[in-house]
Amino acid sequence: MQVKIENQKLAQSINLLYNLSLKGKQSRHRTKFINALREKYQEFAQDERELLKEHCNLDENGEPKTIENGTKWDVKDLDAFTTAKNELFEEERVFDGGDAQEMLKTVKEVLLNCDKEFAGAEAEIYDYLCDQFEKGDDEE
């Protein structure tokens, strides 16, 4: 099984899974998957930081400058930055592999058999995760 999750959905996925009430094996595997998601999220955050350094004017410390009282980045070329940022946010992180198989199957089972009611953004991320896990089976 292979599961792909977009960078922009990593934090929401962590939050949704974190708030599920689980026991035993399901809880352990969920925690392992959350840890894997966090690791990928940290990579994404580092990639985003590098993107900012590449596309923004830098201060004397080599950090991206802000404008308008720190509310916006001082971007050199907004179109190029927007394109690169969208690509980064839509890039998928892949979860697969020998040791992860059982964990992924358990998390899939948890999601597909979840009886918790979701609304709003939480419902959207739940639907997204279910779709990604179902696609993961198709790609085996």
C-alpha atoms as a PDB file:
ATOM      1  CA  MET A   1       0.000   0.000   0.000  1.00  0.00           C
ATOM      2  CA  GLN A   2       1.162   3.490  -0.851  1.00  0.00           C
ATOM      3  CA  VAL A   3      -0.531   6.667   0.406  1.00  0.00           C
ATOM      4  CA  LYS A   4       0.177  10.115  -1.022  1.00  0.00           C
ATOM      5  CA  ILE A   5      -0.735  13.301   0.837  1.00  0.00           C
ATOM      6  CA  GLU A   6      -0.295  16.850  -0.454  1.00  0.00           C
ATOM      7  CA  ASN A   7       2.002  19.107   1.574  1.00  0.00           C
ATOM      8  CA  GLN A   8      -0.828  21.571   2.162  1.00  0.00           C
ATOM      9  CA  LYS A   9      -2.938  18.824   3.783  1.00  0.00           C
ATOM     10  CA  LEU A  10      -0.321  17.441   6.186  1.00  0.00           C
ATOM     11  CA  ALA A  11      -1.147  19.627   9.203  1.00  0.00           C
ATOM     12  CA  GLN A  12      -4.908  19.093   8.832  1.00  0.00           C
ATOM     13  CA  SER A  13      -4.335  15.343   8.546  1.00  0.00           C
ATOM     14  CA  ILE A  14      -2.269  15.326  11.733  1.00  0.00           C
ATOM     15  CA  ASN A  15      -4.966  17.248  13.603  1.00  0.00           C
ATOM     16  CA  LEU A  16      -7.809  15.024  12.420  1.00  0.00           C
ATOM     17  CA  LEU A  17      -6.021  11.793  13.313  1.00  0.00           C
ATOM     18  CA  TYR A  18      -4.765  13.186  16.615  1.00  0.00           C
ATOM     19  CA  ASN A  19      -8.311  13.902  17.765  1.00  0.00           C
ATOM     20  CA  LEU A  20      -9.687  10.418  17.067  1.00  0.00           C
ATOM     21  CA  SER A  21     -10.365   8.366  20.175  1.00  0.00           C
ATOM     22  CA  LEU A  22      -8.657   4.980  19.666  1.00  0.00           C
ATOM     23  CA  LYS A  23      -7.310   2.067  21.727  1.00  0.00           C
ATOM     24  CA  GLY A  24      -4.585  -0.537  21.476  1.00  0.00           C
ATOM     25  CA  LYS A  25      -3.125  -1.350  18.084  1.00  0.00           C
ATOM     26  CA  GLN A  26      -5.212   1.300  16.339  1.00  0.00           C
ATOM     27  CA  SER A  27      -3.906   3.996  18.673  1.00  0.00           C
ATOM     28  CA  ARG A  28      -0.285   2.833  18.321  1.00  0.00           C
ATOM     29  CA  HIS A  29      -0.444   2.723  14.515  1.00  0.00           C
ATOM     30  CA  ARG A  30      -2.194   6.085  14.378  1.00  0.00           C
ATOM     31  CA  THR A  31       0.574   7.577  16.517  1.00  0.00           C
ATOM     32  CA  LYS A  32       3.259   6.089  14.251  1.00  0.00           C
ATOM     33  CA  PHE A  33       1.490   7.524  11.205  1.00  0.00           C
ATOM     34  CA  ILE A  34       1.160  10.940  12.887  1.00  0.00           C
ATOM     35  CA  ASN A  35       4.907  10.851  13.583  1.00  0.00           C
ATOM     36  CA  ALA A  36       5.572  10.060   9.912  1.00  0.00           C
ATOM     37  CA  LEU A  37       3.252  12.921   8.904  1.00  0.00           C
ATOM     38  CA  ARG A  38       5.085  15.290  11.265  1.00  0.00           C
ATOM     39  CA  GLU A  39       8.422  14.304   9.762  1.00  0.00           C
ATOM     40  CA  LYS A  40       7.113  15.046   6.252  1.00  0.00           C
ATOM     41  CA  TYR A  41       5.600  18.302   7.514  1.00  0.00           C
ATOM     42  CA  GLN A  42       8.983  19.401   8.883  1.00  0.00           C
ATOM     43  CA  GLU A  43      10.548  18.685   5.464  1.00  0.00           C
ATOM     44  CA  PHE A  44       7.771  20.721   3.842  1.00  0.00           C
ATOM     45  CA  ALA A  45       8.336  23.622   6.261  1.00  0.00           C
ATOM     46  CA  GLN A  46      12.062  23.564   5.434  1.00  0.00           C
ATOM     47  CA  ASP A  47      11.285  23.512   1.692  1.00  0.00           C
ATOM     48  CA  GLU A  48       8.923  26.453   2.172  1.00  0.00           C
ATOM     49  CA  ARG A  49      11.638  28.371   4.043  1.00  0.00           C
ATOM     50  CA  GLU A  50      14.108  27.735   1.203  1.00  0.00           C
ATOM     51  CA  LEU A  51      11.493  28.878  -1.310  1.00  0.00           C
ATOM     52  CA  LEU A  52      11.071  32.144   0.588  1.00  0.00           C
ATOM     53  CA  LYS A  53      14.839  32.707   0.678  1.00  0.00           C
ATOM     54  CA  GLU A  54      15.002  32.064  -3.061  1.00  0.00           C
ATOM     55  CA  HIS A  55      12.155  34.410  -4.027  1.00  0.00           C
ATOM     56  CA  CYS A  56      12.357  37.218  -1.439  1.00  0.00           C
ATOM     57  CA  ASN A  57      14.707  40.076  -0.824  1.00  0.00           C
ATOM     58  CA  LEU A  58      16.858  39.165   2.176  1.00  0.00           C
ATOM     59  CA  ASP A  59      17.765  41.148   5.266  1.00  0.00           C
ATOM     60  CA  GLU A  60      21.291  41.553   6.667  1.00  0.00           C
ATOM     61  CA  ASN A  61      20.980  38.132   8.370  1.00  0.00           C
ATOM     62  CA  GLY A  62      20.086  36.351   5.134  1.00  0.00           C
ATOM     63  CA  GLU A  63      16.438  35.952   6.148  1.00  0.00           C
ATOM     64  CA  PRO A  64      13.464  36.855   3.943  1.00  0.00           C
ATOM     65  CA  LYS A  65      12.338  40.456   4.437  1.00  0.00           C
ATOM     66  CA  THR A  66       8.765  41.425   5.201  1.00  0.00           C
ATOM     67  CA  ILE A  67       6.833  44.538   4.258  1.00  0.00           C
ATOM     68  CA  GLU A  68       3.659  46.239   5.454  1.00  0.00           C
ATOM     69  CA  ASN A  69       4.504  45.874   9.156  1.00  0.00           C
ATOM     70  CA  GLY A  70       5.549  42.246   8.763  1.00  0.00           C
ATOM     71  CA  THR A  71       2.281  41.080   7.191  1.00  0.00           C
ATOM     72  CA  LYS A  72       3.677  40.256   3.718  1.00  0.00           C
ATOM     73  CA  TRP A  73       6.897  38.853   2.315  1.00  0.00           C
ATOM     74  CA  ASP A  74       9.079  41.184   0.226  1.00  0.00           C
ATOM     75  CA  VAL A  75       8.873  39.041  -2.906  1.00  0.00           C
ATOM     76  CA  LYS A  76      11.041  39.865  -5.954  1.00  0.00           C
ATOM     77  CA  ASP A  77       8.776  38.315  -8.636  1.00  0.00           C
ATOM     78  CA  LEU A  78       5.267  37.602  -7.380  1.00  0.00           C
ATOM     79  CA  ASP A  79       4.227  35.462 -10.374  1.00  0.00           C
ATOM     80  CA  ALA A  80       7.274  33.194 -10.142  1.00  0.00           C
ATOM     81  CA  PHE A  81       6.885  32.930  -6.361  1.00  0.00           C
ATOM     82  CA  THR A  82       3.172  32.112  -6.599  1.00  0.00           C
ATOM     83  CA  THR A  83       3.815  29.388  -9.179  1.00  0.00           C
ATOM     84  CA  ALA A  84       6.639  27.825  -7.145  1.00  0.00           C
ATOM     85  CA  LYS A  85       4.615  28.045  -3.917  1.00  0.00           C
ATOM     86  CA  ASN A  86       1.574  26.389  -5.502  1.00  0.00           C
ATOM     87  CA  GLU A  87       3.769  23.589  -6.847  1.00  0.00           C
ATOM     88  CA  LEU A  88       5.294  23.051  -3.409  1.00  0.00           C
ATOM     89  CA  PHE A  89       1.931  23.073  -1.620  1.00  0.00           C
ATOM     90  CA  GLU A  90       0.421  20.593  -4.104  1.00  0.00           C
ATOM     91  CA  GLU A  91       3.462  18.277  -4.095  1.00  0.00           C
ATOM     92  CA  GLU A  92       2.619  14.910  -2.611  1.00  0.00           C
ATOM     93  CA  ARG A  93       4.514  13.150   0.158  1.00  0.00           C
ATOM     94  CA  VAL A  94       4.555   9.369  -0.168  1.00  0.00           C
ATOM     95  CA  PHE A  95       4.047   6.917   2.683  1.00  0.00           C
ATOM     96  CA  ASP A  96       4.803   3.287   1.852  1.00  0.00           C
ATOM     97  CA  GLY A  97       7.258   0.505   2.443  1.00  0.00           C
ATOM     98  CA  GLY A  98       7.640  -2.823   4.192  1.00  0.00           C
ATOM     99  CA  ASP A  99       7.473  -1.794   7.845  1.00  0.00           C
ATOM    100  CA  ALA A 100       4.728   0.753   7.157  1.00  0.00           C
ATOM    101  CA  GLN A 101       2.310  -1.685   5.503  1.00  0.00           C
ATOM    102  CA  GLU A 102       0.572  -2.827   8.676  1.00  0.00           C
ATOM    103  CA  MET A 103       0.406   0.719  10.025  1.00  0.00           C
ATOM    104  CA  LEU A 104      -1.136   2.048   6.802  1.00  0.00           C
ATOM    105  CA  LYS A 105      -3.687  -0.763   6.695  1.00  0.00           C
ATOM    106  CA  THR A 106      -4.687  -0.079  10.296  1.00  0.00           C
ATOM    107  CA  VAL A 107      -5.047   3.676   9.726  1.00  0.00           C
ATOM    108  CA  LYS A 108      -7.091   2.987   6.594  1.00  0.00           C
ATOM    109  CA  GLU A 109      -9.367   0.681   8.591  1.00  0.00           C
ATOM    110  CA  VAL A 110      -9.734   3.344  11.302  1.00  0.00           C
ATOM    111  CA  LEU A 111     -10.670   6.006   8.767  1.00  0.00           C
ATOM    112  CA  LEU A 112     -13.075   3.929   6.695  1.00  0.00           C
ATOM    113  CA  ASN A 113     -14.854   2.543   9.767  1.00  0.00           C
ATOM    114  CA  CYS A 114     -14.892   5.781  11.765  1.00  0.00           C
ATOM    115  CA  ASP A 115     -18.270   6.629  13.253  1.00  0.00           C
ATOM    116  CA  LYS A 116     -17.336  10.145  14.378  1.00  0.00           C
ATOM    117  CA  GLU A 117     -19.306  12.962  12.775  1.00  0.00           C
ATOM    118  CA  PHE A 118     -17.248  15.550  10.934  1.00  0.00           C
ATOM    119  CA  ALA A 119     -18.260  18.992   9.695  1.00  0.00           C
ATOM    120  CA  GLY A 120     -16.685  21.807   7.705  1.00  0.00           C
ATOM    121  CA  ALA A 121     -12.949  21.693   7.058  1.00  0.00           C
ATOM    122  CA  GLU A 122     -12.632  18.563   9.206  1.00  0.00           C
ATOM    123  CA  ALA A 123     -15.142  16.755   6.953  1.00  0.00           C
ATOM    124  CA  GLU A 124     -13.178  17.828   3.878  1.00  0.00           C
ATOM    125  CA  ILE A 125      -9.862  16.516   5.211  1.00  0.00           C
ATOM    126  CA  TYR A 126     -11.563  13.294   6.348  1.00  0.00           C
ATOM    127  CA  ASP A 127     -12.935  12.750   2.824  1.00  0.00           C
ATOM    128  CA  TYR A 128      -9.529  13.569   1.335  1.00  0.00           C
ATOM    129  CA  LEU A 129      -7.745  11.063   3.598  1.00  0.00           C
ATOM    130  CA  CYS A 130     -10.272   8.319   2.842  1.00  0.00           C
ATOM    131  CA  ASP A 131      -9.781   8.951  -0.890  1.00  0.00           C
ATOM    132  CA  GLN A 132      -5.990   8.819  -0.551  1.00  0.00           C
ATOM    133  CA  PHE A 133      -6.068   5.548   1.378  1.00  0.00           C
ATOM    134  CA  GLU A 134      -8.503   4.017  -1.116  1.00  0.00           C
ATOM    135  CA  LYS A 135      -6.236   5.110  -3.998  1.00  0.00           C
ATOM    136  CA  GLY A 136      -3.308   3.564  -2.109  1.00  0.00           C
ATOM    137  CA  ASP A 137      -4.932   0.158  -2.470  1.00  0.00           C
ATOM    138  CA  ASP A 138      -5.511   0.668  -6.195  1.00  0.00           C
ATOM    139  CA  GLU A 139      -1.818   1.374  -6.764  1.00  0.00           C
ATOM    140  CA  GLU A 140      -0.596  -1.855  -5.167  1.00  0.00           C
END
